[in-house]
N, C-alpha and C. Protein backbone atom coordinates (compact mmCIF):
# COMPACT_ATOMS: atom_id res chain seq x y z
N UNK A 1 164.69 150.68 70.82
CA UNK A 1 164.60 149.22 70.65
C UNK A 1 165.97 148.62 70.93
N UNK A 2 166.01 147.58 71.72
CA UNK A 2 167.26 146.91 72.06
C UNK A 2 167.39 145.65 71.23
N UNK A 3 168.48 145.53 70.51
CA UNK A 3 168.70 144.35 69.69
C UNK A 3 169.79 143.51 70.35
N UNK A 4 169.43 142.31 70.74
CA UNK A 4 170.40 141.41 71.38
C UNK A 4 171.40 140.92 70.35
N UNK A 5 172.62 140.83 70.76
CA UNK A 5 173.66 140.33 69.87
C UNK A 5 173.46 138.84 69.63
N UNK A 6 173.49 138.43 68.36
CA UNK A 6 173.25 137.03 68.03
C UNK A 6 174.53 136.21 68.10
N UNK A 7 174.37 134.99 68.55
CA UNK A 7 175.51 134.08 68.63
C UNK A 7 175.87 133.62 67.22
N UNK A 8 177.09 133.11 67.03
CA UNK A 8 177.48 132.59 65.71
C UNK A 8 176.52 131.51 65.20
N UNK A 9 176.02 130.67 66.14
CA UNK A 9 175.10 129.60 65.74
C UNK A 9 173.78 130.18 65.24
N UNK A 10 173.30 131.22 65.94
CA UNK A 10 172.05 131.87 65.53
C UNK A 10 172.22 132.57 64.19
N UNK A 11 173.38 133.19 63.99
CA UNK A 11 173.66 133.85 62.72
C UNK A 11 173.69 132.83 61.58
N UNK A 12 174.24 131.66 61.85
CA UNK A 12 174.33 130.60 60.85
C UNK A 12 172.93 130.15 60.44
N UNK A 13 172.06 129.97 61.45
CA UNK A 13 170.68 129.56 61.16
C UNK A 13 169.95 130.61 60.34
N UNK A 14 170.19 131.89 60.72
CA UNK A 14 169.54 132.98 60.02
C UNK A 14 169.97 133.02 58.56
N UNK A 15 171.25 132.84 58.32
CA UNK A 15 171.75 132.86 56.95
C UNK A 15 171.17 131.72 56.12
N UNK A 16 171.01 130.55 56.77
CA UNK A 16 170.41 129.41 56.08
C UNK A 16 168.98 129.72 55.67
N UNK A 17 168.20 130.31 56.60
CA UNK A 17 166.81 130.67 56.32
C UNK A 17 166.73 131.68 55.19
N UNK A 18 167.59 132.70 55.25
CA UNK A 18 167.60 133.73 54.21
C UNK A 18 167.95 133.12 52.86
N UNK A 19 168.93 132.22 52.85
CA UNK A 19 169.33 131.57 51.60
C UNK A 19 168.18 130.78 51.00
N UNK A 20 167.46 130.05 51.86
CA UNK A 20 166.32 129.26 51.39
C UNK A 20 165.24 130.15 50.80
N UNK A 21 164.93 131.25 51.51
CA UNK A 21 163.91 132.17 51.02
C UNK A 21 164.32 132.81 49.70
N UNK A 22 165.60 133.21 49.62
CA UNK A 22 166.08 133.81 48.39
C UNK A 22 166.11 132.80 47.26
N UNK A 23 166.40 131.56 47.59
CA UNK A 23 166.43 130.52 46.57
C UNK A 23 165.06 130.37 45.94
N UNK A 24 164.01 130.48 46.77
CA UNK A 24 162.65 130.38 46.26
C UNK A 24 162.32 131.50 45.33
N UNK A 25 163.00 132.67 45.52
CA UNK A 25 162.73 133.82 44.67
C UNK A 25 163.65 133.84 43.46
N UNK A 26 164.96 133.71 43.74
CA UNK A 26 165.93 133.82 42.66
C UNK A 26 165.90 132.62 41.74
N UNK A 27 165.78 131.45 42.37
CA UNK A 27 165.81 130.24 41.56
C UNK A 27 164.42 129.65 41.36
N UNK A 28 163.43 130.47 41.63
CA UNK A 28 162.05 129.99 41.52
C UNK A 28 161.72 129.47 40.14
N UNK A 29 162.29 130.11 39.13
CA UNK A 29 162.00 129.70 37.76
C UNK A 29 162.47 128.28 37.52
N UNK A 30 163.68 127.95 37.99
CA UNK A 30 164.20 126.59 37.84
C UNK A 30 163.37 125.60 38.63
N UNK A 31 162.96 126.02 39.83
CA UNK A 31 162.16 125.13 40.66
C UNK A 31 160.83 124.84 39.98
N UNK A 32 160.24 125.88 39.35
CA UNK A 32 158.98 125.70 38.67
C UNK A 32 159.15 124.78 37.47
N UNK A 33 160.27 124.95 36.75
CA UNK A 33 160.53 124.09 35.60
C UNK A 33 160.62 122.64 36.04
N UNK A 34 161.30 122.40 37.16
CA UNK A 34 161.44 121.04 37.67
C UNK A 34 160.06 120.48 38.02
N UNK A 35 159.23 121.31 38.65
CA UNK A 35 157.89 120.87 39.03
C UNK A 35 157.07 120.54 37.79
N UNK A 36 157.18 121.38 36.75
CA UNK A 36 156.40 121.17 35.55
C UNK A 36 156.77 119.88 34.85
N UNK A 37 158.04 119.44 35.01
CA UNK A 37 158.46 118.21 34.37
C UNK A 37 157.72 117.01 34.91
N UNK A 38 157.15 117.14 36.09
CA UNK A 38 156.42 116.03 36.69
C UNK A 38 154.98 115.98 36.19
N UNK A 39 154.55 116.99 35.45
CA UNK A 39 153.19 117.01 34.92
C UNK A 39 153.12 116.20 33.64
N UNK A 40 151.93 115.68 33.34
CA UNK A 40 151.71 114.94 32.10
C UNK A 40 150.63 115.64 31.29
N UNK A 41 150.51 115.25 30.03
CA UNK A 41 149.56 115.89 29.13
C UNK A 41 148.47 114.93 28.69
N UNK A 42 147.26 115.47 28.60
CA UNK A 42 146.13 114.75 28.01
C UNK A 42 145.51 115.70 27.00
N UNK A 43 145.13 115.18 25.83
CA UNK A 43 144.59 116.04 24.78
C UNK A 43 143.26 115.48 24.30
N UNK A 44 142.19 116.23 24.55
CA UNK A 44 140.84 115.77 24.24
C UNK A 44 140.10 116.74 23.34
N UNK A 45 139.30 116.18 22.44
CA UNK A 45 138.35 116.96 21.66
C UNK A 45 136.96 116.44 21.98
N UNK A 46 136.08 117.32 22.41
CA UNK A 46 134.73 116.89 22.80
C UNK A 46 133.71 117.97 22.43
N UNK A 47 133.86 118.48 21.21
CA UNK A 47 132.99 119.57 20.80
C UNK A 47 133.72 120.90 20.97
N UNK A 48 132.95 121.94 21.21
CA UNK A 48 133.51 123.28 21.38
C UNK A 48 134.52 123.30 22.53
N UNK A 49 135.73 123.81 22.27
CA UNK A 49 136.74 123.79 23.33
C UNK A 49 136.42 124.73 24.48
N UNK A 50 135.52 125.68 24.29
CA UNK A 50 135.11 126.54 25.41
C UNK A 50 134.48 125.70 26.51
N UNK A 51 133.64 124.74 26.12
CA UNK A 51 132.96 123.87 27.09
C UNK A 51 133.96 122.95 27.79
N UNK A 52 134.82 122.34 26.99
CA UNK A 52 135.78 121.38 27.52
C UNK A 52 136.72 122.06 28.52
N UNK A 53 137.21 123.22 28.16
CA UNK A 53 138.12 123.98 29.02
C UNK A 53 137.46 124.29 30.36
N UNK A 54 136.23 124.79 30.32
CA UNK A 54 135.53 125.20 31.54
C UNK A 54 135.33 124.05 32.51
N UNK A 55 135.21 122.85 31.98
CA UNK A 55 135.00 121.67 32.83
C UNK A 55 136.31 121.18 33.43
N UNK A 56 137.33 120.96 32.60
CA UNK A 56 138.57 120.37 33.10
C UNK A 56 139.37 121.33 33.99
N UNK A 57 139.11 122.62 33.87
CA UNK A 57 139.76 123.58 34.77
C UNK A 57 139.36 123.36 36.22
N UNK A 58 138.21 122.75 36.44
CA UNK A 58 137.66 122.59 37.78
C UNK A 58 138.23 121.39 38.54
N UNK A 59 138.96 120.52 37.87
CA UNK A 59 139.40 119.27 38.49
C UNK A 59 140.67 119.42 39.32
N UNK A 60 140.66 118.79 40.48
CA UNK A 60 141.86 118.72 41.30
C UNK A 60 142.95 117.98 40.53
N UNK A 61 144.16 118.49 40.60
CA UNK A 61 145.27 117.84 39.91
C UNK A 61 145.52 118.41 38.53
N UNK A 62 144.56 119.17 38.00
CA UNK A 62 144.75 119.81 36.69
C UNK A 62 145.44 121.15 36.91
N UNK A 63 146.61 121.30 36.31
CA UNK A 63 147.40 122.51 36.50
C UNK A 63 147.03 123.59 35.49
N UNK A 64 146.79 123.18 34.25
CA UNK A 64 146.51 124.17 33.20
C UNK A 64 145.73 123.52 32.07
N UNK A 65 144.84 124.29 31.46
CA UNK A 65 144.10 123.83 30.30
C UNK A 65 144.25 124.88 29.20
N UNK A 66 144.72 124.44 28.04
CA UNK A 66 144.92 125.36 26.92
C UNK A 66 144.05 124.91 25.75
N UNK A 67 143.24 125.81 25.23
CA UNK A 67 142.41 125.51 24.07
C UNK A 67 143.25 125.64 22.80
N UNK A 68 142.98 124.75 21.84
CA UNK A 68 143.75 124.83 20.61
C UNK A 68 143.25 123.87 19.55
N UNK A 69 144.13 123.57 18.61
CA UNK A 69 143.76 122.76 17.45
C UNK A 69 144.78 121.62 17.27
N UNK A 70 144.27 120.46 16.88
CA UNK A 70 145.15 119.33 16.60
C UNK A 70 144.49 118.43 15.56
N UNK A 71 145.32 117.76 14.80
CA UNK A 71 144.81 116.80 13.81
C UNK A 71 145.05 117.22 12.38
N UNK A 72 145.28 118.52 12.17
CA UNK A 72 145.56 119.02 10.83
C UNK A 72 147.05 119.03 10.54
N UNK A 73 147.40 119.45 9.35
CA UNK A 73 148.79 119.40 8.93
C UNK A 73 149.56 120.69 9.18
N UNK A 74 148.85 121.79 9.36
CA UNK A 74 149.57 123.06 9.52
C UNK A 74 148.78 124.00 10.43
N UNK A 75 149.47 125.03 10.87
CA UNK A 75 148.85 126.01 11.75
C UNK A 75 147.71 126.69 11.03
N UNK A 76 146.57 126.84 11.71
CA UNK A 76 145.39 127.45 11.10
C UNK A 76 144.74 128.41 12.08
N UNK A 77 143.97 129.32 11.54
CA UNK A 77 143.23 130.26 12.37
C UNK A 77 141.90 129.64 12.77
N UNK A 78 141.24 130.25 13.73
CA UNK A 78 139.93 129.77 14.17
C UNK A 78 138.94 129.75 13.00
N UNK A 79 138.96 130.79 12.18
CA UNK A 79 138.05 130.86 11.04
C UNK A 79 138.31 129.72 10.06
N UNK A 80 139.58 129.40 9.84
CA UNK A 80 139.93 128.30 8.93
C UNK A 80 139.49 126.96 9.50
N UNK A 81 139.72 126.77 10.80
CA UNK A 81 139.32 125.51 11.44
C UNK A 81 137.80 125.34 11.38
N UNK A 82 137.07 126.44 11.58
CA UNK A 82 135.61 126.39 11.55
C UNK A 82 135.06 126.02 10.18
N UNK A 83 135.87 126.14 9.14
CA UNK A 83 135.42 125.75 7.80
C UNK A 83 135.32 124.23 7.69
N UNK A 84 135.98 123.53 8.60
CA UNK A 84 135.97 122.07 8.56
C UNK A 84 136.90 121.48 7.53
N UNK A 85 137.74 122.31 6.92
CA UNK A 85 138.58 121.86 5.82
C UNK A 85 140.05 121.68 6.20
N UNK A 86 140.41 122.01 7.43
CA UNK A 86 141.83 121.95 7.82
C UNK A 86 142.24 120.60 8.40
N UNK A 87 141.25 119.78 8.78
CA UNK A 87 141.56 118.50 9.41
C UNK A 87 141.71 118.60 10.91
N UNK A 88 141.73 119.81 11.44
CA UNK A 88 141.90 120.00 12.87
C UNK A 88 140.60 119.72 13.64
N UNK A 89 140.78 119.34 14.88
CA UNK A 89 139.67 119.29 15.84
C UNK A 89 139.93 120.35 16.89
N UNK A 90 138.88 120.92 17.41
CA UNK A 90 139.03 121.82 18.56
C UNK A 90 139.33 120.93 19.76
N UNK A 91 140.45 121.18 20.41
CA UNK A 91 140.87 120.33 21.53
C UNK A 91 141.30 121.19 22.71
N UNK A 92 141.42 120.52 23.84
CA UNK A 92 142.03 121.14 25.01
C UNK A 92 143.22 120.29 25.41
N UNK A 93 144.36 120.93 25.61
CA UNK A 93 145.54 120.23 26.10
C UNK A 93 145.62 120.47 27.60
N UNK A 94 145.56 119.38 28.33
CA UNK A 94 145.44 119.44 29.79
C UNK A 94 146.75 119.01 30.44
N UNK A 95 147.34 119.90 31.23
CA UNK A 95 148.53 119.57 32.01
C UNK A 95 148.05 119.14 33.39
N UNK A 96 148.41 117.93 33.80
CA UNK A 96 147.88 117.42 35.07
C UNK A 96 148.95 116.68 35.87
N UNK A 97 148.71 116.61 37.16
CA UNK A 97 149.61 115.92 38.07
C UNK A 97 149.09 114.49 38.27
N UNK A 98 149.76 113.48 37.73
CA UNK A 98 149.28 112.11 37.81
C UNK A 98 149.26 111.54 39.23
N UNK A 99 149.90 112.24 40.18
CA UNK A 99 149.85 111.78 41.57
C UNK A 99 148.56 112.25 42.24
N UNK A 100 147.84 113.15 41.59
CA UNK A 100 146.58 113.67 42.13
C UNK A 100 145.38 113.14 41.35
N UNK A 101 145.49 113.15 40.03
CA UNK A 101 144.42 112.65 39.17
C UNK A 101 145.05 111.82 38.05
N UNK A 102 144.48 110.68 37.78
CA UNK A 102 145.05 109.78 36.77
C UNK A 102 144.46 110.05 35.39
N UNK A 103 145.12 109.52 34.38
CA UNK A 103 144.61 109.64 33.02
C UNK A 103 143.27 108.91 32.91
N UNK A 104 143.15 107.80 33.61
CA UNK A 104 141.88 107.07 33.60
C UNK A 104 140.75 107.93 34.14
N UNK A 105 141.01 108.67 35.21
CA UNK A 105 139.97 109.55 35.78
C UNK A 105 139.61 110.67 34.81
N UNK A 106 140.62 111.18 34.10
CA UNK A 106 140.34 112.21 33.09
C UNK A 106 139.48 111.64 31.97
N UNK A 107 139.74 110.39 31.59
CA UNK A 107 138.93 109.75 30.56
C UNK A 107 137.49 109.58 31.03
N UNK A 108 137.31 109.23 32.30
CA UNK A 108 135.96 109.06 32.84
C UNK A 108 135.16 110.36 32.72
N UNK A 109 135.84 111.47 33.04
CA UNK A 109 135.19 112.78 32.91
C UNK A 109 134.91 113.06 31.44
N UNK A 110 135.90 112.86 30.59
CA UNK A 110 135.77 113.11 29.16
C UNK A 110 134.55 112.41 28.57
N UNK A 111 134.38 111.14 28.87
CA UNK A 111 133.28 110.39 28.26
C UNK A 111 131.91 110.73 28.84
N UNK A 112 131.89 111.35 30.00
CA UNK A 112 130.60 111.67 30.60
C UNK A 112 130.13 113.10 30.36
N UNK A 113 131.01 113.96 29.87
CA UNK A 113 130.62 115.36 29.71
C UNK A 113 130.30 115.73 28.25
N UNK A 114 130.27 114.73 27.37
CA UNK A 114 129.83 115.00 26.00
C UNK A 114 129.22 113.72 25.44
N UNK A 115 128.63 113.81 24.27
CA UNK A 115 128.03 112.65 23.64
C UNK A 115 129.04 112.04 22.67
N UNK A 116 129.65 110.91 23.04
CA UNK A 116 130.69 110.31 22.19
C UNK A 116 130.12 109.41 21.09
N UNK A 117 128.80 109.45 20.91
CA UNK A 117 128.17 108.58 19.91
C UNK A 117 127.75 109.35 18.66
N UNK A 118 127.88 110.66 18.67
CA UNK A 118 127.47 111.46 17.51
C UNK A 118 128.69 111.82 16.67
N UNK A 119 128.64 111.50 15.41
CA UNK A 119 129.78 111.70 14.52
C UNK A 119 129.88 113.17 14.11
N UNK A 120 131.03 113.77 14.45
CA UNK A 120 131.30 115.16 14.05
C UNK A 120 130.20 116.12 14.49
N UNK A 121 129.71 115.89 15.70
CA UNK A 121 128.64 116.78 16.17
C UNK A 121 128.53 116.74 17.69
N UNK A 122 128.32 117.94 18.27
CA UNK A 122 127.95 118.07 19.67
C UNK A 122 126.85 119.13 19.74
N UNK A 123 125.63 118.68 19.93
CA UNK A 123 124.51 119.61 19.96
C UNK A 123 124.37 120.34 18.65
N UNK A 124 124.35 121.66 18.73
CA UNK A 124 124.19 122.48 17.52
C UNK A 124 125.51 122.71 16.79
N UNK A 125 126.63 122.26 17.39
CA UNK A 125 127.94 122.43 16.77
C UNK A 125 128.21 121.24 15.85
N UNK A 126 128.26 121.51 14.55
CA UNK A 126 128.40 120.44 13.56
C UNK A 126 129.63 120.65 12.70
N UNK A 127 130.37 119.57 12.47
CA UNK A 127 131.56 119.65 11.63
C UNK A 127 132.67 118.76 12.18
N UNK A 128 133.62 118.39 11.36
CA UNK A 128 134.71 117.52 11.80
C UNK A 128 135.54 118.16 12.90
N UNK A 129 135.53 119.48 12.98
CA UNK A 129 136.29 120.17 14.03
C UNK A 129 135.71 119.93 15.41
N UNK A 130 134.47 119.41 15.46
CA UNK A 130 133.82 119.14 16.75
C UNK A 130 133.77 117.64 17.06
N UNK A 131 134.59 116.86 16.38
CA UNK A 131 134.55 115.41 16.58
C UNK A 131 135.02 115.01 17.97
N UNK A 132 134.54 113.88 18.42
CA UNK A 132 134.97 113.30 19.69
C UNK A 132 136.30 112.59 19.44
N UNK A 133 137.36 113.04 20.12
CA UNK A 133 138.67 112.47 19.83
C UNK A 133 139.58 112.51 21.05
N UNK A 134 140.38 111.46 21.18
CA UNK A 134 141.44 111.40 22.18
C UNK A 134 142.75 111.31 21.42
N UNK A 135 143.61 112.30 21.61
CA UNK A 135 144.94 112.27 21.01
C UNK A 135 145.91 111.78 22.09
N UNK A 136 146.33 110.53 21.98
CA UNK A 136 147.18 109.96 23.02
C UNK A 136 148.63 110.40 22.85
N UNK A 137 149.30 110.57 23.99
CA UNK A 137 150.68 111.05 23.99
C UNK A 137 151.70 109.94 24.23
N UNK A 138 151.23 108.75 24.54
CA UNK A 138 152.12 107.59 24.72
C UNK A 138 151.29 106.31 24.59
N UNK A 139 151.96 105.18 24.55
CA UNK A 139 151.27 103.90 24.37
C UNK A 139 150.36 103.56 25.54
N UNK A 140 150.76 103.97 26.73
CA UNK A 140 149.92 103.70 27.90
C UNK A 140 148.57 104.39 27.77
N UNK A 141 148.58 105.65 27.33
CA UNK A 141 147.33 106.37 27.12
C UNK A 141 146.50 105.71 26.02
N UNK A 142 147.16 105.28 24.96
CA UNK A 142 146.46 104.64 23.85
C UNK A 142 145.75 103.37 24.31
N UNK A 143 146.49 102.51 25.00
CA UNK A 143 145.92 101.24 25.45
C UNK A 143 144.78 101.44 26.43
N UNK A 144 144.93 102.40 27.33
CA UNK A 144 143.89 102.66 28.31
C UNK A 144 142.64 103.21 27.63
N UNK A 145 142.82 104.13 26.70
CA UNK A 145 141.67 104.70 25.99
C UNK A 145 140.94 103.64 25.19
N UNK A 146 141.68 102.79 24.50
CA UNK A 146 141.05 101.74 23.69
C UNK A 146 140.34 100.72 24.56
N UNK A 147 140.95 100.37 25.69
CA UNK A 147 140.34 99.39 26.61
C UNK A 147 139.04 99.92 27.20
N UNK A 148 139.07 101.17 27.67
CA UNK A 148 137.88 101.75 28.28
C UNK A 148 136.77 101.97 27.25
N UNK A 149 137.14 102.36 26.04
CA UNK A 149 136.14 102.54 24.98
C UNK A 149 135.45 101.21 24.70
N UNK A 150 136.23 100.15 24.62
CA UNK A 150 135.67 98.82 24.37
C UNK A 150 134.72 98.40 25.50
N UNK A 151 135.15 98.60 26.74
CA UNK A 151 134.33 98.22 27.89
C UNK A 151 133.03 99.02 27.95
N UNK A 152 133.13 100.32 27.64
CA UNK A 152 131.93 101.16 27.66
C UNK A 152 130.95 100.73 26.58
N UNK A 153 131.45 100.39 25.41
CA UNK A 153 130.57 99.91 24.34
C UNK A 153 129.90 98.59 24.73
N UNK A 154 130.67 97.72 25.37
CA UNK A 154 130.13 96.43 25.79
C UNK A 154 129.10 96.58 26.92
N UNK A 155 129.24 97.62 27.71
CA UNK A 155 128.35 97.83 28.85
C UNK A 155 126.97 98.31 28.43
N UNK A 156 126.87 98.87 27.22
CA UNK A 156 125.59 99.41 26.78
C UNK A 156 125.23 100.70 27.48
N UNK A 157 126.23 101.41 27.97
CA UNK A 157 125.98 102.67 28.69
C UNK A 157 125.27 103.68 27.80
N UNK A 158 125.55 103.62 26.50
CA UNK A 158 124.87 104.49 25.54
C UNK A 158 124.05 103.62 24.60
N UNK A 159 122.97 104.17 24.10
CA UNK A 159 122.12 103.43 23.17
C UNK A 159 122.83 103.15 21.85
N UNK A 160 123.70 104.07 21.46
CA UNK A 160 124.45 103.91 20.21
C UNK A 160 125.93 103.70 20.50
N UNK A 161 126.67 103.13 19.57
CA UNK A 161 128.10 102.86 19.79
C UNK A 161 128.91 104.14 19.97
N UNK A 162 129.92 104.05 20.80
CA UNK A 162 130.85 105.17 20.97
C UNK A 162 131.76 105.21 19.75
N UNK A 163 131.84 106.37 19.12
CA UNK A 163 132.63 106.49 17.89
C UNK A 163 133.86 107.39 18.10
N UNK A 164 134.23 107.62 19.35
CA UNK A 164 135.38 108.47 19.66
C UNK A 164 136.63 108.02 18.91
N UNK A 165 137.25 108.93 18.22
CA UNK A 165 138.50 108.67 17.51
C UNK A 165 139.64 108.61 18.52
N UNK A 166 140.53 107.64 18.37
CA UNK A 166 141.71 107.53 19.23
C UNK A 166 142.94 107.56 18.32
N UNK A 167 143.66 108.66 18.34
CA UNK A 167 144.78 108.86 17.41
C UNK A 167 146.01 109.38 18.14
N UNK A 168 147.16 109.15 17.53
CA UNK A 168 148.41 109.66 18.09
C UNK A 168 148.41 111.19 18.04
N UNK A 169 148.92 111.79 19.10
CA UNK A 169 148.99 113.25 19.16
C UNK A 169 149.87 113.79 18.04
N UNK A 170 149.41 114.90 17.46
CA UNK A 170 150.18 115.61 16.45
C UNK A 170 150.59 116.96 17.03
N UNK A 171 151.05 117.84 16.19
CA UNK A 171 151.42 119.16 16.65
C UNK A 171 150.21 119.88 17.22
N UNK A 172 150.38 120.42 18.41
CA UNK A 172 149.31 121.17 19.06
C UNK A 172 149.50 122.65 18.77
N UNK A 173 148.45 123.28 18.26
CA UNK A 173 148.49 124.71 17.98
C UNK A 173 147.56 125.43 18.94
N UNK A 174 148.09 126.21 19.88
CA UNK A 174 147.22 126.96 20.79
C UNK A 174 146.31 127.89 20.02
N UNK A 175 145.07 127.98 20.46
CA UNK A 175 144.12 128.89 19.82
C UNK A 175 144.47 130.34 20.15
N UNK A 176 143.82 131.24 19.46
CA UNK A 176 144.03 132.67 19.68
C UNK A 176 143.75 133.03 21.14
N UNK A 177 144.38 134.07 21.62
CA UNK A 177 144.32 134.42 23.04
C UNK A 177 142.90 134.64 23.56
N UNK A 178 142.01 135.15 22.71
CA UNK A 178 140.66 135.43 23.19
C UNK A 178 139.84 134.15 23.44
N UNK A 179 140.35 133.02 22.99
CA UNK A 179 139.68 131.75 23.27
C UNK A 179 140.09 131.16 24.62
N UNK A 180 141.21 131.62 25.18
CA UNK A 180 141.73 131.04 26.41
C UNK A 180 140.93 131.54 27.62
N UNK A 181 140.63 130.59 28.53
CA UNK A 181 139.87 130.91 29.74
C UNK A 181 138.56 131.60 29.36
N UNK A 182 137.94 131.10 28.30
CA UNK A 182 136.81 131.80 27.69
C UNK A 182 135.61 131.94 28.62
N UNK A 183 135.22 130.87 29.25
CA UNK A 183 134.03 130.94 30.10
C UNK A 183 134.21 131.92 31.25
N UNK A 184 135.36 131.86 31.90
CA UNK A 184 135.61 132.76 33.03
C UNK A 184 135.65 134.23 32.60
N UNK A 185 136.07 134.47 31.38
CA UNK A 185 136.17 135.85 30.90
C UNK A 185 134.91 136.35 30.22
N UNK A 186 134.00 135.42 29.89
CA UNK A 186 132.80 135.81 29.13
C UNK A 186 131.55 135.12 29.67
N UNK A 187 131.46 134.98 30.98
CA UNK A 187 130.38 134.21 31.59
C UNK A 187 128.98 134.74 31.30
N UNK A 188 128.88 136.02 30.90
CA UNK A 188 127.56 136.61 30.63
C UNK A 188 127.14 136.47 29.16
N UNK A 189 128.03 135.96 28.33
CA UNK A 189 127.68 135.76 26.93
C UNK A 189 126.60 134.68 26.82
N UNK A 190 125.64 134.81 25.88
CA UNK A 190 124.55 133.83 25.74
C UNK A 190 125.02 132.38 25.64
N UNK A 191 126.09 132.13 24.85
CA UNK A 191 126.57 130.75 24.70
C UNK A 191 127.05 130.20 26.04
N UNK A 192 127.72 131.05 26.81
CA UNK A 192 128.21 130.63 28.13
C UNK A 192 127.04 130.37 29.08
N UNK A 193 126.05 131.23 29.03
CA UNK A 193 124.91 131.13 29.95
C UNK A 193 124.03 129.94 29.65
N UNK A 194 123.74 129.71 28.36
CA UNK A 194 122.76 128.70 28.00
C UNK A 194 123.35 127.35 27.57
N UNK A 195 124.64 127.31 27.26
CA UNK A 195 125.25 126.05 26.83
C UNK A 195 126.31 125.56 27.82
N UNK A 196 127.29 126.42 28.12
CA UNK A 196 128.40 125.97 28.96
C UNK A 196 127.99 125.81 30.42
N UNK A 197 127.30 126.80 30.96
CA UNK A 197 126.96 126.77 32.39
C UNK A 197 126.14 125.55 32.79
N UNK A 198 125.08 125.17 32.04
CA UNK A 198 124.33 123.96 32.40
C UNK A 198 125.20 122.70 32.37
N UNK A 199 126.11 122.62 31.38
CA UNK A 199 127.02 121.47 31.31
C UNK A 199 127.94 121.44 32.51
N UNK A 200 128.45 122.61 32.87
CA UNK A 200 129.37 122.71 34.00
C UNK A 200 128.69 122.33 35.30
N UNK A 201 127.46 122.79 35.50
CA UNK A 201 126.73 122.47 36.72
C UNK A 201 126.42 120.98 36.82
N UNK A 202 126.07 120.38 35.70
CA UNK A 202 125.81 118.94 35.68
C UNK A 202 127.08 118.16 36.01
N UNK A 203 128.18 118.62 35.46
CA UNK A 203 129.48 117.99 35.72
C UNK A 203 129.84 118.10 37.20
N UNK A 204 129.64 119.26 37.80
CA UNK A 204 130.00 119.48 39.19
C UNK A 204 129.21 118.56 40.13
N UNK A 205 127.97 118.29 39.80
CA UNK A 205 127.16 117.40 40.62
C UNK A 205 127.66 115.96 40.52
N UNK A 206 128.07 115.57 39.32
CA UNK A 206 128.52 114.20 39.10
C UNK A 206 129.92 113.93 39.63
N UNK A 207 130.76 114.98 39.67
CA UNK A 207 132.16 114.79 40.06
C UNK A 207 132.56 115.71 41.22
N UNK A 208 131.65 115.94 42.13
CA UNK A 208 131.92 116.89 43.21
C UNK A 208 133.11 116.51 44.08
N UNK A 209 133.42 115.22 44.17
CA UNK A 209 134.56 114.79 44.99
C UNK A 209 135.90 115.04 44.29
N UNK A 210 135.86 115.40 43.01
CA UNK A 210 137.10 115.63 42.25
C UNK A 210 137.35 117.11 41.97
N UNK A 211 136.50 117.97 42.52
CA UNK A 211 136.63 119.39 42.22
C UNK A 211 137.66 120.08 43.12
N UNK A 212 138.29 121.13 42.57
CA UNK A 212 139.20 121.95 43.35
C UNK A 212 138.43 122.69 44.43
N UNK A 213 139.07 122.88 45.57
CA UNK A 213 138.45 123.63 46.64
C UNK A 213 138.68 125.12 46.40
N UNK A 214 137.60 125.90 46.48
CA UNK A 214 137.73 127.34 46.24
C UNK A 214 137.42 128.12 47.49
């Protein structure tokens, strides 16, 4: 193999390319941190967090969905939260890119994928931990949530009033690891097959233009 001798200019270009590639590897962590700073958070409770997670994971612009607990005063286990005595709601904390999907669009999905008129209940799941709730992270989210809730109630979209709680975000406690990415890891479980999957399919039909391309 014959290797042509490179000119100083070509060597300079090569070094620049190598530096850029290495920067992506060596300094990738910093670059990722910078990128993450541009993401915003939305925190929703709409019944069982397994269902909520499976739906919001599908949206374009959503970077990550973490199931957890919010609304109580201290860290609690799943068993404690299920007692309904901790004050927590099962929620999903959604990291999203506001240049791709807005908080308003997330709210539109939130209000259409569960029944926001039933107090502390979603289907067979009953208890304060399953309440319909929006935990806002700033005043803009608060005002938008309150405005849209008012408009939806005035529109008569539901036969009964929307009772979704709108409260300031508190400490978020991630749920146990086996709850994360639950549907994808347990798709053959009866609850996933008979409860989550039908909800997910209905959601996909209604919001097909907002889904990630696979």
